């Protein structure tokens, strides 16, 4: 099935796009970002390396496309409670960051973002902006319900969630995160409501 045409080229096949994305996620979990190569992806996916380079100019682009694009980020369902909405938001973020391919690739990918300003800008305008918008929805609901008197900066609340999850998984190397959503939701709720 062909889905799109490149400027001056033949149409791209969605089957190849899917094979690349699936293979990248599998290999990230198996070998990590540092050991992932275009050759390895091409061999595992059963496609030519040229097919990858027609779609992605670098390994970082390929990983970004496979991991970040396609994430369906929606605000959590309104539970009627700031604490529960925050807990569910932490569960969503934790689910994305702890997913094996994302977890394996995160440390090196973050290093890439530090030196690749274009990639960093895209990351900020896609994943970070969408996750922050989800947090903002949760905060707007809490203001509307009267649980908090004013809305704090959603970026700060999002950074608190994402930073805690990232530190727990990568800096502290903790795998025991079942209680983390409740604990972080309690801390955030107490801080936001002044209780």
N, C-alpha and C. Protein backbone atom coordinates (compact mmCIF):
# COMPACT_ATOMS: atom_id res chain seq x y z
N UNK A 1 0.84 -1.16 0.00
CA UNK A 1 0.00 0.00 0.00
C UNK A 1 0.89 1.23 0.00
N UNK A 2 0.65 2.12 -0.93
CA UNK A 2 1.44 3.34 -1.01
C UNK A 2 0.63 4.47 -0.41
N UNK A 3 1.29 5.29 0.40
CA UNK A 3 0.54 6.31 1.11
C UNK A 3 0.92 7.74 0.78
N UNK A 4 2.16 7.99 0.44
CA UNK A 4 2.55 9.36 0.15
C UNK A 4 3.64 9.37 -0.90
N UNK A 5 3.73 10.48 -1.60
CA UNK A 5 4.74 10.62 -2.63
C UNK A 5 5.76 11.64 -2.18
N UNK A 6 7.03 11.29 -2.32
CA UNK A 6 8.10 12.21 -2.01
C UNK A 6 8.29 13.13 -3.20
N UNK A 7 8.73 14.36 -2.94
CA UNK A 7 8.99 15.30 -4.02
C UNK A 7 10.04 14.71 -4.95
N UNK A 8 9.70 14.59 -6.21
CA UNK A 8 10.64 14.09 -7.20
C UNK A 8 10.96 12.62 -7.08
N UNK A 9 10.20 11.86 -6.36
CA UNK A 9 10.52 10.46 -6.17
C UNK A 9 9.29 9.59 -6.26
N UNK A 10 9.53 8.32 -6.04
CA UNK A 10 8.41 7.39 -6.10
C UNK A 10 7.65 7.42 -4.77
N UNK A 11 6.42 6.95 -4.77
CA UNK A 11 5.63 6.95 -3.53
C UNK A 11 6.28 6.07 -2.46
N UNK A 12 6.12 6.49 -1.20
CA UNK A 12 6.62 5.71 -0.08
C UNK A 12 5.60 4.65 0.28
N UNK A 13 6.09 3.52 0.72
CA UNK A 13 5.21 2.44 1.12
C UNK A 13 5.03 2.45 2.63
N UNK A 14 3.78 2.42 3.06
CA UNK A 14 3.51 2.43 4.50
C UNK A 14 4.04 1.16 5.17
N UNK A 15 4.12 0.07 4.42
CA UNK A 15 4.67 -1.18 4.95
C UNK A 15 6.11 -0.98 5.38
N UNK A 16 6.88 -0.26 4.58
CA UNK A 16 8.28 0.00 4.90
C UNK A 16 8.38 0.94 6.11
N UNK A 17 7.54 1.97 6.13
CA UNK A 17 7.53 2.89 7.28
C UNK A 17 7.24 2.12 8.57
N UNK A 18 6.24 1.26 8.52
CA UNK A 18 5.86 0.46 9.70
C UNK A 18 7.00 -0.48 10.10
N UNK A 19 7.63 -1.11 9.12
CA UNK A 19 8.74 -2.03 9.42
C UNK A 19 9.89 -1.29 10.11
N UNK A 20 10.19 -0.10 9.63
CA UNK A 20 11.27 0.69 10.24
C UNK A 20 10.90 1.05 11.68
N UNK A 21 9.71 1.57 11.88
CA UNK A 21 9.31 2.00 13.23
C UNK A 21 9.28 0.83 14.21
N UNK A 22 8.71 -0.28 13.79
CA UNK A 22 8.64 -1.46 14.66
C UNK A 22 10.03 -1.98 14.99
N UNK A 23 10.88 -2.06 13.98
CA UNK A 23 12.24 -2.57 14.18
C UNK A 23 13.06 -1.66 15.08
N UNK A 24 12.94 -0.35 14.88
CA UNK A 24 13.67 0.59 15.73
C UNK A 24 13.27 0.41 17.19
N UNK A 25 11.98 0.31 17.46
CA UNK A 25 11.53 0.14 18.85
C UNK A 25 12.04 -1.18 19.44
N UNK A 26 12.00 -2.25 18.64
CA UNK A 26 12.50 -3.54 19.13
C UNK A 26 13.99 -3.48 19.44
N UNK A 27 14.75 -2.90 18.50
CA UNK A 27 16.20 -2.86 18.68
C UNK A 27 16.62 -1.92 19.80
N UNK A 28 15.90 -0.83 19.99
CA UNK A 28 16.22 0.04 21.11
C UNK A 28 16.14 -0.72 22.42
N UNK A 29 15.10 -1.54 22.55
CA UNK A 29 14.94 -2.33 23.78
C UNK A 29 16.03 -3.38 23.91
N UNK A 30 16.50 -3.91 22.79
CA UNK A 30 17.50 -4.98 22.82
C UNK A 30 18.93 -4.47 22.95
N UNK A 31 19.30 -3.45 22.14
CA UNK A 31 20.70 -3.04 22.08
C UNK A 31 20.95 -1.62 22.56
N UNK A 32 19.89 -0.83 22.78
CA UNK A 32 20.04 0.55 23.22
C UNK A 32 20.34 1.49 22.07
N UNK A 33 20.23 2.77 22.35
CA UNK A 33 20.42 3.81 21.33
C UNK A 33 21.85 3.81 20.80
N UNK A 34 22.82 3.72 21.69
CA UNK A 34 24.23 3.82 21.28
C UNK A 34 24.62 2.73 20.28
N UNK A 35 24.06 1.54 20.41
CA UNK A 35 24.42 0.42 19.53
C UNK A 35 23.48 0.25 18.34
N UNK A 36 22.48 1.08 18.25
CA UNK A 36 21.54 1.01 17.14
C UNK A 36 22.19 1.62 15.90
N UNK A 37 22.12 0.93 14.78
CA UNK A 37 22.67 1.45 13.52
C UNK A 37 21.64 1.31 12.42
N UNK A 38 21.82 2.11 11.37
CA UNK A 38 20.95 2.01 10.21
C UNK A 38 21.08 0.61 9.59
N UNK A 39 22.30 0.08 9.54
CA UNK A 39 22.52 -1.25 8.98
C UNK A 39 21.75 -2.31 9.76
N UNK A 40 21.79 -2.22 11.08
CA UNK A 40 21.09 -3.18 11.92
C UNK A 40 19.58 -3.11 11.69
N UNK A 41 19.05 -1.89 11.59
CA UNK A 41 17.61 -1.72 11.34
C UNK A 41 17.24 -2.29 9.98
N UNK A 42 18.04 -1.97 8.96
CA UNK A 42 17.75 -2.46 7.60
C UNK A 42 17.76 -3.98 7.56
N UNK A 43 18.76 -4.59 8.17
CA UNK A 43 18.86 -6.05 8.16
C UNK A 43 17.68 -6.70 8.88
N UNK A 44 17.35 -6.20 10.06
CA UNK A 44 16.26 -6.78 10.84
C UNK A 44 14.92 -6.56 10.15
N UNK A 45 14.72 -5.39 9.54
CA UNK A 45 13.44 -5.07 8.90
C UNK A 45 13.31 -5.71 7.53
N UNK A 46 14.43 -6.20 6.99
CA UNK A 46 14.40 -6.82 5.67
C UNK A 46 14.20 -5.82 4.55
N UNK A 47 14.80 -4.64 4.72
CA UNK A 47 14.69 -3.59 3.70
C UNK A 47 16.09 -3.06 3.40
N UNK A 48 16.20 -2.31 2.33
CA UNK A 48 17.48 -1.70 1.98
C UNK A 48 17.75 -0.48 2.84
N UNK A 49 19.03 -0.23 3.08
CA UNK A 49 19.41 0.94 3.87
C UNK A 49 18.96 2.23 3.18
N UNK A 50 18.93 2.21 1.86
CA UNK A 50 18.51 3.41 1.12
C UNK A 50 17.07 3.79 1.46
N UNK A 51 16.23 2.79 1.72
CA UNK A 51 14.83 3.07 2.09
C UNK A 51 14.77 3.84 3.41
N UNK A 52 15.69 3.54 4.31
CA UNK A 52 15.74 4.26 5.58
C UNK A 52 16.20 5.69 5.34
N UNK A 53 17.28 5.85 4.57
CA UNK A 53 17.82 7.19 4.32
C UNK A 53 16.88 8.07 3.51
N UNK A 54 15.98 7.46 2.73
CA UNK A 54 14.98 8.27 2.03
C UNK A 54 14.00 8.89 3.02
N UNK A 55 13.86 8.26 4.16
CA UNK A 55 12.90 8.73 5.16
C UNK A 55 13.55 9.52 6.29
N UNK A 56 14.78 9.17 6.63
CA UNK A 56 15.43 9.76 7.80
C UNK A 56 16.87 10.11 7.48
N UNK A 57 17.26 11.33 7.79
CA UNK A 57 18.61 11.78 7.48
C UNK A 57 19.65 11.31 8.49
N UNK A 58 19.20 10.83 9.64
CA UNK A 58 20.15 10.40 10.67
C UNK A 58 19.49 9.38 11.59
N UNK A 59 20.32 8.76 12.40
CA UNK A 59 19.81 7.81 13.39
C UNK A 59 18.87 8.52 14.36
N UNK A 60 19.25 9.72 14.78
CA UNK A 60 18.41 10.47 15.72
C UNK A 60 17.04 10.74 15.12
N UNK A 61 17.00 11.12 13.85
CA UNK A 61 15.72 11.35 13.17
C UNK A 61 14.89 10.08 13.12
N UNK A 62 15.53 8.98 12.81
CA UNK A 62 14.84 7.69 12.71
C UNK A 62 14.24 7.31 14.06
N UNK A 63 15.01 7.45 15.13
CA UNK A 63 14.53 7.11 16.46
C UNK A 63 13.41 8.06 16.88
N UNK A 64 13.59 9.34 16.61
CA UNK A 64 12.56 10.33 16.94
C UNK A 64 11.24 9.96 16.28
N UNK A 65 11.32 9.61 15.00
CA UNK A 65 10.11 9.24 14.26
C UNK A 65 9.46 7.99 14.82
N UNK A 66 10.27 7.01 15.16
CA UNK A 66 9.74 5.73 15.65
C UNK A 66 9.15 5.84 17.05
N UNK A 67 9.76 6.66 17.88
CA UNK A 67 9.35 6.70 19.28
C UNK A 67 8.38 7.83 19.58
N UNK A 68 8.64 9.02 19.06
CA UNK A 68 7.83 10.18 19.43
C UNK A 68 6.60 10.33 18.54
N UNK A 69 6.80 10.26 17.23
CA UNK A 69 5.64 10.38 16.34
C UNK A 69 4.76 9.16 16.51
N UNK A 70 3.50 9.37 16.49
CA UNK A 70 2.59 8.25 16.65
C UNK A 70 2.13 8.06 18.08
N UNK A 71 2.77 8.76 19.03
CA UNK A 71 2.27 8.70 20.40
C UNK A 71 0.97 9.47 20.45
N UNK A 72 -0.07 8.81 20.88
CA UNK A 72 -1.37 9.46 20.98
C UNK A 72 -1.49 10.04 22.39
N UNK A 73 -1.30 11.33 22.49
CA UNK A 73 -1.34 11.98 23.80
C UNK A 73 -2.65 12.73 23.96
N UNK A 74 -3.44 12.28 24.89
CA UNK A 74 -4.72 12.92 25.21
C UNK A 74 -4.75 13.15 26.71
N UNK A 75 -5.45 14.21 27.14
CA UNK A 75 -5.60 14.39 28.59
C UNK A 75 -6.29 13.17 29.20
N UNK A 76 -5.95 12.87 30.43
CA UNK A 76 -6.61 11.75 31.11
C UNK A 76 -8.08 12.08 31.29
N UNK A 77 -8.88 11.05 31.44
CA UNK A 77 -10.32 11.24 31.67
C UNK A 77 -10.53 12.04 32.95
N UNK A 78 -11.53 12.88 32.94
CA UNK A 78 -11.86 13.70 34.10
C UNK A 78 -12.46 12.80 35.18
N UNK A 79 -11.74 12.64 36.27
CA UNK A 79 -12.22 11.78 37.36
C UNK A 79 -13.00 12.58 38.41
N UNK A 80 -12.99 13.90 38.27
CA UNK A 80 -13.66 14.75 39.25
C UNK A 80 -12.78 15.11 40.43
N UNK A 81 -11.50 14.73 40.35
CA UNK A 81 -10.57 14.97 41.45
C UNK A 81 -9.19 15.33 40.90
N UNK A 82 -8.62 16.44 41.39
CA UNK A 82 -7.28 16.83 40.97
C UNK A 82 -6.28 15.73 41.27
N UNK A 83 -6.34 15.17 42.48
CA UNK A 83 -5.38 14.15 42.86
C UNK A 83 -5.43 12.95 41.93
N UNK A 84 -6.64 12.48 41.63
CA UNK A 84 -6.77 11.30 40.78
C UNK A 84 -6.38 11.62 39.34
N UNK A 85 -6.74 12.81 38.86
CA UNK A 85 -6.32 13.22 37.52
C UNK A 85 -4.79 13.29 37.43
N UNK A 86 -4.15 13.83 38.47
CA UNK A 86 -2.68 13.88 38.48
C UNK A 86 -2.08 12.48 38.53
N UNK A 87 -2.66 11.62 39.36
CA UNK A 87 -2.16 10.23 39.43
C UNK A 87 -2.25 9.57 38.06
N UNK A 88 -3.39 9.74 37.39
CA UNK A 88 -3.56 9.13 36.08
C UNK A 88 -2.61 9.73 35.05
N UNK A 89 -2.31 11.02 35.18
CA UNK A 89 -1.34 11.66 34.29
C UNK A 89 0.05 11.07 34.52
N UNK A 90 0.43 10.89 35.78
CA UNK A 90 1.72 10.26 36.09
C UNK A 90 1.77 8.85 35.52
N UNK A 91 0.68 8.11 35.64
CA UNK A 91 0.63 6.75 35.08
C UNK A 91 0.86 6.79 33.58
N UNK A 92 0.24 7.76 32.88
CA UNK A 92 0.44 7.88 31.43
C UNK A 92 1.90 8.18 31.09
N UNK A 93 2.47 9.18 31.76
CA UNK A 93 3.87 9.56 31.49
C UNK A 93 4.79 8.39 31.82
N UNK A 94 4.58 7.76 32.95
CA UNK A 94 5.40 6.62 33.36
C UNK A 94 5.29 5.49 32.34
N UNK A 95 4.09 5.25 31.85
CA UNK A 95 3.90 4.21 30.84
C UNK A 95 4.71 4.46 29.58
N UNK A 96 4.78 5.73 29.16
CA UNK A 96 5.56 6.07 27.96
C UNK A 96 7.06 5.96 28.23
N UNK A 97 7.51 6.53 29.34
CA UNK A 97 8.95 6.58 29.63
C UNK A 97 9.51 5.21 30.03
N UNK A 98 8.70 4.38 30.68
CA UNK A 98 9.17 3.06 31.11
C UNK A 98 9.05 2.01 30.02
N UNK A 99 8.37 2.33 28.93
CA UNK A 99 8.24 1.37 27.81
C UNK A 99 9.66 0.97 27.40
N UNK A 100 9.95 -0.32 27.22
CA UNK A 100 11.32 -0.79 27.04
C UNK A 100 12.14 -0.06 25.97
N UNK A 101 11.58 0.21 24.81
CA UNK A 101 12.37 0.88 23.77
C UNK A 101 12.67 2.32 24.16
N UNK A 102 11.73 2.99 24.78
CA UNK A 102 11.95 4.38 25.20
C UNK A 102 12.96 4.40 26.35
N UNK A 103 12.79 3.53 27.31
CA UNK A 103 13.70 3.50 28.46
C UNK A 103 15.13 3.21 28.02
N UNK A 104 15.29 2.28 27.11
CA UNK A 104 16.64 1.93 26.65
C UNK A 104 17.29 3.07 25.87
N UNK A 105 16.50 3.82 25.14
CA UNK A 105 17.05 4.87 24.30
C UNK A 105 17.16 6.23 24.94
N UNK A 106 16.49 6.44 26.06
CA UNK A 106 16.41 7.78 26.64
C UNK A 106 17.75 8.41 27.00
N UNK A 107 18.64 7.76 27.72
CA UNK A 107 19.87 8.46 28.11
C UNK A 107 20.67 9.02 26.93
N UNK A 108 20.89 8.20 25.92
CA UNK A 108 21.67 8.67 24.78
C UNK A 108 20.86 9.65 23.94
N UNK A 109 19.56 9.44 23.86
CA UNK A 109 18.72 10.37 23.09
C UNK A 109 18.71 11.75 23.75
N UNK A 110 18.69 11.81 25.07
CA UNK A 110 18.75 13.10 25.76
C UNK A 110 20.09 13.79 25.48
N UNK A 111 21.16 13.02 25.42
CA UNK A 111 22.46 13.59 25.08
C UNK A 111 22.43 14.15 23.66
N UNK A 112 21.76 13.45 22.75
CA UNK A 112 21.62 13.93 21.37
C UNK A 112 20.83 15.23 21.34
N UNK A 113 19.78 15.33 22.13
CA UNK A 113 18.98 16.56 22.17
C UNK A 113 19.81 17.75 22.65
N UNK A 114 20.77 17.49 23.53
CA UNK A 114 21.60 18.57 24.06
C UNK A 114 22.48 19.19 22.99
N UNK A 115 22.86 18.43 21.99
CA UNK A 115 23.74 18.96 20.94
C UNK A 115 23.03 19.20 19.61
N UNK A 116 21.86 18.63 19.44
CA UNK A 116 21.12 18.78 18.19
C UNK A 116 19.95 19.72 18.44
N UNK A 117 20.17 21.00 18.19
CA UNK A 117 19.17 22.02 18.52
C UNK A 117 17.89 21.87 17.70
N UNK A 118 18.02 21.46 16.45
CA UNK A 118 16.83 21.26 15.61
C UNK A 118 15.98 20.12 16.17
N UNK A 119 16.61 19.03 16.52
CA UNK A 119 15.89 17.89 17.09
C UNK A 119 15.27 18.29 18.43
N UNK A 120 16.00 19.03 19.24
CA UNK A 120 15.48 19.47 20.52
C UNK A 120 14.24 20.34 20.34
N UNK A 121 14.29 21.24 19.37
CA UNK A 121 13.13 22.11 19.10
C UNK A 121 11.92 21.28 18.67
N UNK A 122 12.14 20.27 17.84
CA UNK A 122 11.04 19.40 17.42
C UNK A 122 10.50 18.61 18.59
N UNK A 123 11.37 18.13 19.45
CA UNK A 123 10.96 17.38 20.63
C UNK A 123 10.10 18.27 21.54
N UNK A 124 10.56 19.51 21.73
CA UNK A 124 9.81 20.46 22.55
C UNK A 124 8.44 20.76 21.95
N UNK A 125 8.39 20.93 20.63
CA UNK A 125 7.13 21.33 19.99
C UNK A 125 6.18 20.17 19.76
N UNK A 126 6.65 18.95 19.93
CA UNK A 126 5.76 17.81 19.74
C UNK A 126 5.45 17.17 21.10
N UNK A 127 6.28 16.30 21.55
CA UNK A 127 5.99 15.54 22.77
C UNK A 127 5.83 16.44 23.99
N UNK A 128 6.79 17.31 24.25
CA UNK A 128 6.74 18.14 25.45
C UNK A 128 5.53 19.06 25.42
N UNK A 129 5.28 19.69 24.28
CA UNK A 129 4.13 20.60 24.18
C UNK A 129 2.81 19.86 24.36
N UNK A 130 2.71 18.68 23.78
CA UNK A 130 1.45 17.92 23.91
C UNK A 130 1.25 17.42 25.33
N UNK A 131 2.31 16.92 25.97
CA UNK A 131 2.17 16.48 27.36
C UNK A 131 1.83 17.65 28.28
N UNK A 132 2.45 18.81 28.03
CA UNK A 132 2.16 19.99 28.84
C UNK A 132 0.71 20.43 28.66
N UNK A 133 0.20 20.34 27.44
CA UNK A 133 -1.21 20.68 27.18
C UNK A 133 -2.14 19.74 27.94
N UNK A 134 -1.76 18.48 28.04
CA UNK A 134 -2.57 17.52 28.82
C UNK A 134 -2.59 17.90 30.29
N UNK A 135 -1.44 18.30 30.82
CA UNK A 135 -1.36 18.73 32.22
C UNK A 135 -2.20 20.00 32.41
N UNK A 136 -2.13 20.90 31.44
CA UNK A 136 -2.91 22.14 31.55
C UNK A 136 -4.41 21.84 31.63
N UNK A 137 -4.88 20.87 30.86
CA UNK A 137 -6.29 20.48 30.93
C UNK A 137 -6.66 20.01 32.33
N UNK A 138 -5.80 19.21 32.94
CA UNK A 138 -6.04 18.72 34.31
C UNK A 138 -6.11 19.90 35.28
N UNK A 139 -5.21 20.86 35.13
CA UNK A 139 -5.19 22.02 36.02
C UNK A 139 -6.41 22.91 35.80
N UNK A 140 -6.81 23.10 34.55
CA UNK A 140 -8.02 23.90 34.25
C UNK A 140 -9.25 23.28 34.91
N UNK A 141 -9.35 21.95 34.85
CA UNK A 141 -10.48 21.27 35.50
C UNK A 141 -10.48 21.54 37.01
N UNK A 142 -9.30 21.47 37.61
CA UNK A 142 -9.21 21.68 39.06
C UNK A 142 -9.60 23.10 39.44
N UNK A 143 -9.23 24.08 38.63
CA UNK A 143 -9.64 25.47 38.88
C UNK A 143 -11.15 25.58 38.75
N UNK A 144 -11.71 24.99 37.69
CA UNK A 144 -13.17 25.05 37.47
C UNK A 144 -13.94 24.39 38.61
N UNK A 145 -13.38 23.34 39.20
CA UNK A 145 -14.04 22.65 40.32
C UNK A 145 -13.81 23.36 41.66
N UNK A 146 -12.93 24.35 41.66
CA UNK A 146 -12.62 25.07 42.89
C UNK A 146 -11.61 24.36 43.78
N UNK A 147 -10.93 23.37 43.24
CA UNK A 147 -9.93 22.65 44.05
C UNK A 147 -8.66 23.47 44.25
N UNK A 148 -8.34 24.31 43.27
CA UNK A 148 -7.22 25.24 43.39
C UNK A 148 -7.72 26.61 42.96
N UNK A 149 -7.16 27.66 43.58
CA UNK A 149 -7.67 29.00 43.32
C UNK A 149 -7.11 29.62 42.05
N UNK A 150 -5.94 29.21 41.66
CA UNK A 150 -5.35 29.72 40.41
C UNK A 150 -4.54 28.60 39.76
N UNK A 151 -4.39 28.73 38.46
CA UNK A 151 -3.67 27.69 37.72
C UNK A 151 -2.17 27.98 37.76
N UNK A 152 -1.38 27.05 38.27
CA UNK A 152 0.07 27.21 38.22
C UNK A 152 0.55 27.02 36.78
N UNK A 153 1.79 27.32 36.54
CA UNK A 153 2.38 27.15 35.22
C UNK A 153 2.35 25.66 34.87
N UNK A 154 1.60 25.27 33.82
CA UNK A 154 1.53 23.86 33.45
C UNK A 154 2.90 23.26 33.12
N UNK A 155 3.80 24.09 32.58
CA UNK A 155 5.13 23.58 32.23
C UNK A 155 5.90 23.15 33.48
N UNK A 156 5.70 23.87 34.58
CA UNK A 156 6.39 23.51 35.83
C UNK A 156 5.81 22.21 36.39
N UNK A 157 4.49 22.08 36.36
CA UNK A 157 3.87 20.84 36.85
C UNK A 157 4.29 19.66 35.97
N UNK A 158 4.29 19.88 34.65
CA UNK A 158 4.72 18.81 33.73
C UNK A 158 6.17 18.44 34.00
N UNK A 159 7.04 19.44 34.15
CA UNK A 159 8.46 19.17 34.41
C UNK A 159 8.64 18.41 35.72
N UNK A 160 7.82 18.70 36.70
CA UNK A 160 7.89 17.99 37.98
C UNK A 160 7.55 16.51 37.78
N UNK A 161 6.52 16.25 37.00
CA UNK A 161 6.13 14.86 36.72
C UNK A 161 7.20 14.17 35.89
N UNK A 162 7.55 14.76 34.75
CA UNK A 162 8.50 14.14 33.84
C UNK A 162 9.88 14.00 34.49
N UNK A 163 10.30 15.04 35.21
CA UNK A 163 11.60 14.99 35.87
C UNK A 163 11.68 13.90 36.92
N UNK A 164 10.62 13.77 37.69
CA UNK A 164 10.59 12.73 38.72
C UNK A 164 10.63 11.34 38.10
N UNK A 165 9.80 11.14 37.08
CA UNK A 165 9.76 9.83 36.41
C UNK A 165 11.11 9.51 35.77
N UNK A 166 11.70 10.48 35.09
CA UNK A 166 12.99 10.27 34.43
C UNK A 166 14.08 9.99 35.46
N UNK A 167 14.11 10.75 36.53
CA UNK A 167 15.11 10.52 37.58
C UNK A 167 14.93 9.15 38.21
N UNK A 168 13.69 8.76 38.47
CA UNK A 168 13.41 7.46 39.10
C UNK A 168 13.93 6.31 38.24
N UNK A 169 13.65 6.39 36.95
CA UNK A 169 14.01 5.29 36.05
C UNK A 169 15.47 5.31 35.62
N UNK A 170 16.03 6.51 35.41
CA UNK A 170 17.36 6.59 34.79
C UNK A 170 18.47 6.95 35.77
N UNK A 171 18.24 7.90 36.63
CA UNK A 171 19.30 8.29 37.56
C UNK A 171 19.36 7.35 38.75
N UNK A 172 18.19 7.00 39.28
CA UNK A 172 18.14 6.11 40.43
C UNK A 172 18.06 4.64 40.03
N UNK A 173 17.79 4.39 38.73
CA UNK A 173 17.73 3.02 38.18
C UNK A 173 16.73 2.15 38.94
N UNK A 174 15.58 2.73 39.26
CA UNK A 174 14.57 2.01 40.03
C UNK A 174 13.56 1.35 39.11
N UNK A 175 13.24 0.12 39.42
CA UNK A 175 12.21 -0.62 38.67
C UNK A 175 10.93 -0.78 39.49
N UNK A 176 10.98 -0.37 40.74
CA UNK A 176 9.82 -0.49 41.61
C UNK A 176 9.02 0.82 41.57
N UNK A 177 8.21 0.95 40.54
CA UNK A 177 7.50 2.21 40.37
C UNK A 177 5.98 2.08 40.49
N UNK A 178 5.50 0.99 41.03
CA UNK A 178 4.04 0.81 41.15
C UNK A 178 3.40 1.87 42.05
N UNK A 179 4.09 2.28 43.11
CA UNK A 179 3.54 3.27 44.03
C UNK A 179 3.87 4.71 43.65
N UNK A 180 4.75 4.90 42.67
CA UNK A 180 5.19 6.24 42.30
C UNK A 180 4.03 7.15 41.89
N UNK A 181 3.08 6.71 41.06
CA UNK A 181 1.99 7.62 40.68
C UNK A 181 1.20 8.15 41.87
N UNK A 182 0.87 7.30 42.82
CA UNK A 182 0.13 7.76 44.00
C UNK A 182 0.97 8.69 44.86
N UNK A 183 2.23 8.34 45.07
CA UNK A 183 3.09 9.18 45.90
C UNK A 183 3.30 10.56 45.28
N UNK A 184 3.56 10.59 43.97
CA UNK A 184 3.79 11.87 43.31
C UNK A 184 2.50 12.68 43.24
N UNK A 185 1.37 12.02 43.01
CA UNK A 185 0.08 12.73 43.00
C UNK A 185 -0.20 13.36 44.36
N UNK A 186 0.12 12.65 45.44
CA UNK A 186 -0.07 13.21 46.78
C UNK A 186 0.79 14.46 46.99
N UNK A 187 2.05 14.37 46.61
CA UNK A 187 2.97 15.50 46.78
C UNK A 187 2.49 16.70 45.96
N UNK A 188 2.14 16.46 44.70
CA UNK A 188 1.68 17.55 43.83
C UNK A 188 0.38 18.16 44.34
N UNK A 189 -0.56 17.31 44.71
CA UNK A 189 -1.86 17.81 45.18
C UNK A 189 -1.69 18.64 46.45
N UNK A 190 -0.89 18.15 47.38
CA UNK A 190 -0.65 18.90 48.61
C UNK A 190 0.00 20.25 48.31
N UNK A 191 0.94 20.26 47.39
CA UNK A 191 1.60 21.51 47.03
C UNK A 191 0.67 22.48 46.31
N UNK A 192 -0.18 21.97 45.44
CA UNK A 192 -1.07 22.83 44.66
C UNK A 192 -2.26 23.33 45.46
N UNK A 193 -2.72 22.54 46.41
CA UNK A 193 -3.90 22.94 47.19
C UNK A 193 -3.51 23.58 48.52
N UNK A 194 -2.24 23.51 48.86
CA UNK A 194 -1.78 24.09 50.12
C UNK A 194 -2.17 23.28 51.34
N UNK A 195 -2.48 21.97 51.12
CA UNK A 195 -2.86 21.14 52.27
C UNK A 195 -1.65 20.54 52.93
